[in-house]
Amino acid sequence: MQQHIVTSYEEDLNHLTAEVARMGGLAEAQVSDAIQAFARRDIALAEAVTQRDRRIDALEGEIERSAIRLIALRQPMAVDLRRTVSAMKVAMNLERCGDLAKNIARRSLVLAETDPAGPVSRSIERMGKLVAGRLKDVLDAYTSGDVDAAVGVWTRDDEVDEHYESLFRELLTYMMGDPRTITPGAHLLFVAKNLERIGDHATNIAEIIHFEILGQELVDERPKGQSVKR
């Protein structure tokens, strides 16, 4: 009977982790598709991204309820408790990534009707691919329990910030040169900021992985670009 209980407990933990990984796959697809919709001015894809966000929201709620139930019934301790709480925290960050991807898709719907500067749009697309890569790397680290890979994502956080700062300056120059570009330029600024926030959530997940596996917080100051203002 005791072996049955232990096996059932482990199955509950594994199911929780698997659900977070599944949610991660959905969030990763949302971010990638939002970037594609922006780059290609794909209205149908942008609309699909906005509609799919509800599934991510629902899955985050399911994971939270499962984790709370596991804590109430199993009373996990040490690494099992960290694993359970980490699942909730990772899911919360993934839900925010989904929201930010939806915001990018909505901006893309507006920008599809305008003619934003090509070079700036391509710069945002490059930043988007960088951020999507960060999210994929940290989710792979979560699935495999690779703390070194997670720390690698954490230490490269400043690259995303530097891209955002460069884009911010580029967009300001673009808007100052022609007042007619202020409206599309503002939408492009929001797209860039949403991407920067997704990068921050990927870094948050890296910190969660580190604490889950080692039981220690990353005590160093999070890397940031030298001149990025917060």
Protein backbone atom coordinates (compact mmCIF):
# COMPACT_ATOMS: atom_id res chain seq x y z
CA MET A 1 0.00 0.00 0.00
CA GLN A 2 2.85 2.42 0.88
CA GLN A 3 4.53 1.76 -2.46
CA HIS A 4 1.22 2.48 -4.21
CA ILE A 5 0.92 5.81 -2.39
CA VAL A 6 4.49 6.82 -3.24
CA THR A 7 4.01 5.84 -6.88
CA SER A 8 0.77 7.82 -7.07
CA TYR A 9 2.48 10.84 -5.50
CA GLU A 10 5.30 10.71 -8.06
CA GLU A 11 2.76 10.41 -10.86
CA ASP A 12 1.03 13.55 -9.59
CA LEU A 13 4.32 15.46 -9.63
CA ASN A 14 5.22 14.18 -13.09
CA HIS A 15 1.79 15.09 -14.43
CA LEU A 16 2.14 18.62 -13.04
CA THR A 17 5.55 19.05 -14.68
CA ALA A 18 4.23 17.64 -17.96
CA GLU A 19 1.33 20.10 -17.96
CA VAL A 20 3.73 23.01 -17.46
CA ALA A 21 5.85 21.72 -20.35
CA ARG A 22 2.72 21.49 -22.51
CA MET A 23 1.78 25.05 -21.57
CA GLY A 24 5.33 26.09 -22.41
CA GLY A 25 4.96 24.62 -25.89
CA LEU A 26 1.76 26.59 -26.42
CA ALA A 27 3.32 29.83 -25.18
CA GLU A 28 6.39 29.28 -27.35
CA ALA A 29 4.18 28.79 -30.40
CA GLN A 30 2.21 31.92 -29.54
CA VAL A 31 5.33 34.05 -29.38
CA SER A 32 6.75 32.59 -32.59
CA ASP A 33 3.47 33.04 -34.46
CA ALA A 34 3.03 36.60 -33.17
CA ILE A 35 6.48 37.49 -34.51
CA GLN A 36 5.68 35.87 -37.87
CA ALA A 37 2.35 37.69 -38.06
CA PHE A 38 4.15 40.97 -37.44
CA ALA A 39 6.93 40.30 -39.95
CA ARG A 40 4.63 39.08 -42.73
CA ARG A 41 1.65 41.33 -41.96
CA ASP A 42 -0.35 38.13 -41.74
CA ILE A 43 -3.79 39.20 -40.52
CA ALA A 44 -5.19 35.66 -40.31
CA LEU A 45 -2.27 34.46 -38.18
CA ALA A 46 -2.47 37.51 -35.91
CA GLU A 47 -6.16 36.88 -35.32
CA ALA A 48 -5.46 33.21 -34.59
CA VAL A 49 -2.87 34.19 -31.96
CA THR A 50 -5.37 36.44 -30.19
CA GLN A 51 -7.97 33.66 -30.13
CA ARG A 52 -5.60 30.94 -28.88
CA ASP A 53 -4.60 32.95 -25.82
CA ARG A 54 -7.67 31.71 -23.96
CA ARG A 55 -6.31 28.16 -24.01
CA ILE A 56 -3.13 29.28 -22.27
CA ASP A 57 -5.14 31.16 -19.65
CA ALA A 58 -7.26 28.08 -18.98
CA LEU A 59 -4.22 25.81 -18.70
CA GLU A 60 -2.58 28.16 -16.20
CA GLY A 61 -5.70 27.89 -14.03
CA GLU A 62 -5.66 24.09 -14.27
CA ILE A 63 -2.00 23.94 -13.23
CA GLU A 64 -2.60 26.23 -10.28
CA ARG A 65 -5.53 24.13 -9.05
CA SER A 66 -3.55 20.90 -9.48
CA ALA A 67 -0.59 22.31 -7.55
CA ILE A 68 -2.78 23.56 -4.70
CA ARG A 69 -4.53 20.21 -4.51
CA LEU A 70 -1.21 18.38 -4.46
CA ILE A 71 0.06 20.58 -1.62
CA ALA A 72 -3.14 20.10 0.37
CA LEU A 73 -3.30 16.32 -0.03
CA ARG A 74 0.38 15.32 -0.17
CA GLN A 75 2.00 18.03 1.97
CA PRO A 76 5.24 17.91 -0.03
CA MET A 77 8.53 18.98 1.53
CA ALA A 78 11.99 20.02 0.36
CA VAL A 79 12.58 19.37 -3.34
CA ASP A 80 9.01 18.14 -3.92
CA LEU A 81 7.59 21.36 -2.48
CA ARG A 82 9.97 23.44 -4.60
CA ARG A 83 8.96 21.45 -7.67
CA THR A 84 5.27 22.03 -6.98
CA VAL A 85 5.58 25.75 -6.27
CA SER A 86 7.92 26.20 -9.25
CA ALA A 87 5.30 24.68 -11.54
CA MET A 88 2.82 27.37 -10.47
CA LYS A 89 5.37 30.16 -10.85
CA VAL A 90 6.55 29.00 -14.28
CA ALA A 91 2.93 28.71 -15.42
CA MET A 92 2.26 32.26 -14.26
CA ASN A 93 5.21 33.57 -16.28
CA LEU A 94 4.10 31.59 -19.32
CA GLU A 95 0.61 33.05 -19.05
CA ARG A 96 2.13 36.53 -19.16
CA CYS A 97 4.18 35.54 -22.23
CA GLY A 98 0.94 34.47 -23.89
CA ASP A 99 -0.66 37.82 -23.05
CA LEU A 100 2.31 39.71 -24.45
CA ALA A 101 2.22 37.63 -27.64
CA LYS A 102 -1.47 38.48 -27.97
CA ASN A 103 -0.64 42.16 -27.56
CA ILE A 104 1.96 41.91 -30.34
CA ALA A 105 -0.61 40.22 -32.58
CA ARG A 106 -3.11 42.99 -31.94
CA ARG A 107 -0.55 45.66 -32.79
CA SER A 108 0.25 43.71 -35.95
CA LEU A 109 -3.38 43.95 -37.02
CA VAL A 110 -3.13 47.75 -36.80
CA LEU A 111 0.28 47.92 -38.45
CA ALA A 112 -0.91 45.75 -41.35
CA GLU A 113 -2.95 48.74 -42.49
CA THR A 114 -0.01 51.17 -42.39
CA ASP A 115 3.41 51.37 -43.97
CA PRO A 116 5.97 51.29 -41.12
CA ALA A 117 9.66 51.74 -41.89
CA GLY A 118 11.13 48.57 -43.32
CA PRO A 119 14.52 48.73 -41.54
CA VAL A 120 12.88 49.28 -38.15
CA SER A 121 10.45 46.41 -38.72
CA ARG A 122 13.32 44.12 -39.63
CA SER A 123 15.16 45.15 -36.46
CA ILE A 124 12.09 44.23 -34.41
CA GLU A 125 11.84 40.92 -36.23
CA ARG A 126 15.47 40.14 -35.33
CA MET A 127 14.78 41.02 -31.70
CA GLY A 128 11.71 38.80 -31.81
CA LYS A 129 13.72 35.83 -33.00
CA LEU A 130 16.26 36.42 -30.23
CA VAL A 131 13.54 36.51 -27.59
CA ALA A 132 11.80 33.42 -29.00
CA GLY A 133 15.13 31.61 -28.84
CA ARG A 134 15.56 32.60 -25.18
CA LEU A 135 12.12 31.27 -24.33
CA LYS A 136 12.77 27.98 -26.14
CA ASP A 137 16.12 27.53 -24.39
CA VAL A 138 14.72 28.11 -20.91
CA LEU A 139 11.75 25.80 -21.52
CA ASP A 140 14.13 23.09 -22.72
CA ALA A 141 16.10 23.65 -19.51
CA TYR A 142 12.93 23.26 -17.44
CA THR A 143 11.90 20.04 -19.19
CA SER A 144 15.36 18.48 -18.87
CA GLY A 145 16.14 19.87 -15.41
CA ASP A 146 19.33 21.45 -16.77
CA VAL A 147 20.30 24.16 -14.31
CA ASP A 148 23.42 25.14 -16.29
CA ALA A 149 21.31 25.82 -19.39
CA ALA A 150 18.91 27.88 -17.28
CA VAL A 151 21.76 29.95 -15.88
CA GLY A 152 23.03 30.42 -19.43
CA VAL A 153 19.73 32.06 -20.37
CA TRP A 154 19.87 34.21 -17.23
CA THR A 155 23.37 35.50 -17.94
CA ARG A 156 22.42 36.57 -21.47
CA ASP A 157 19.50 38.75 -20.40
CA ASP A 158 21.42 41.92 -21.25
CA GLU A 159 21.45 41.03 -24.97
CA VAL A 160 17.67 41.50 -25.18
CA ASP A 161 17.88 44.78 -23.26
CA GLU A 162 20.57 46.10 -25.59
CA HIS A 163 18.41 45.25 -28.61
CA TYR A 164 15.48 47.07 -27.05
CA GLU A 165 17.53 50.16 -26.24
CA SER A 166 18.88 50.30 -29.78
CA LEU A 167 15.38 49.92 -31.21
CA PHE A 168 14.06 52.63 -28.91
CA ARG A 169 16.61 55.12 -30.22
CA GLU A 170 16.00 54.03 -33.82
CA LEU A 171 12.24 54.48 -33.47
CA LEU A 172 12.55 57.90 -31.87
CA THR A 173 14.73 59.05 -34.76
CA TYR A 174 12.23 57.58 -37.21
CA MET A 175 9.27 59.42 -35.61
CA MET A 176 11.11 62.74 -35.23
CA GLY A 177 11.94 62.72 -38.93
CA ASP A 178 8.31 62.66 -40.06
CA PRO A 179 5.29 63.43 -37.82
CA ARG A 180 3.14 61.15 -39.99
CA THR A 181 5.09 58.18 -38.64
CA ILE A 182 4.29 58.88 -34.99
CA THR A 183 1.22 56.62 -34.82
CA PRO A 184 2.79 53.53 -36.45
CA GLY A 185 6.02 54.30 -34.59
CA ALA A 186 4.17 54.19 -31.27
CA HIS A 187 2.74 50.76 -32.14
CA LEU A 188 6.21 49.55 -33.07
CA LEU A 189 7.52 50.79 -29.71
CA PHE A 190 4.86 48.75 -27.93
CA VAL A 191 5.78 45.67 -29.96
CA ALA A 192 9.43 46.08 -29.00
CA LYS A 193 8.53 46.59 -25.33
CA ASN A 194 6.35 43.48 -25.32
CA LEU A 195 9.27 41.48 -26.72
CA GLU A 196 11.57 42.88 -24.05
CA ARG A 197 9.08 41.80 -21.36
CA ILE A 198 8.90 38.27 -22.79
CA GLY A 199 12.68 38.17 -22.46
CA ASP A 200 12.32 39.19 -18.82
CA HIS A 201 9.84 36.37 -18.20
CA ALA A 202 12.27 33.87 -19.76
CA THR A 203 14.87 35.12 -17.29
CA ASN A 204 12.36 34.78 -14.44
CA ILE A 205 11.82 31.15 -15.41
CA ALA A 206 15.59 30.58 -15.40
CA GLU A 207 15.71 31.85 -11.80
CA ILE A 208 12.81 29.59 -10.83
CA ILE A 209 14.58 26.55 -12.32
CA HIS A 210 17.75 27.37 -10.39
CA PHE A 211 15.85 27.54 -7.10
CA GLU A 212 13.80 24.41 -7.82
CA ILE A 213 16.84 22.25 -8.52
CA LEU A 214 19.42 23.67 -6.12
CA GLY A 215 17.25 25.22 -3.41
CA GLN A 216 19.19 28.46 -3.76
CA GLU A 217 18.34 31.79 -5.32
CA LEU A 218 20.59 33.39 -7.91
CA VAL A 219 22.17 36.00 -5.67
CA ASP A 220 24.05 37.99 -8.32
CA GLU A 221 22.40 41.07 -9.78
CA ARG A 222 20.53 40.25 -12.96
CA PRO A 223 22.64 41.21 -16.02
CA LYS A 224 21.47 44.40 -17.73
CA GLY A 225 22.77 46.57 -20.53
CA GLN A 226 24.98 49.33 -19.18
CA SER A 227 22.77 52.22 -20.23
CA VAL A 228 19.31 50.64 -20.04
CA LYS A 229 16.98 52.76 -17.93
CA ARG A 230 14.46 50.99 -15.68
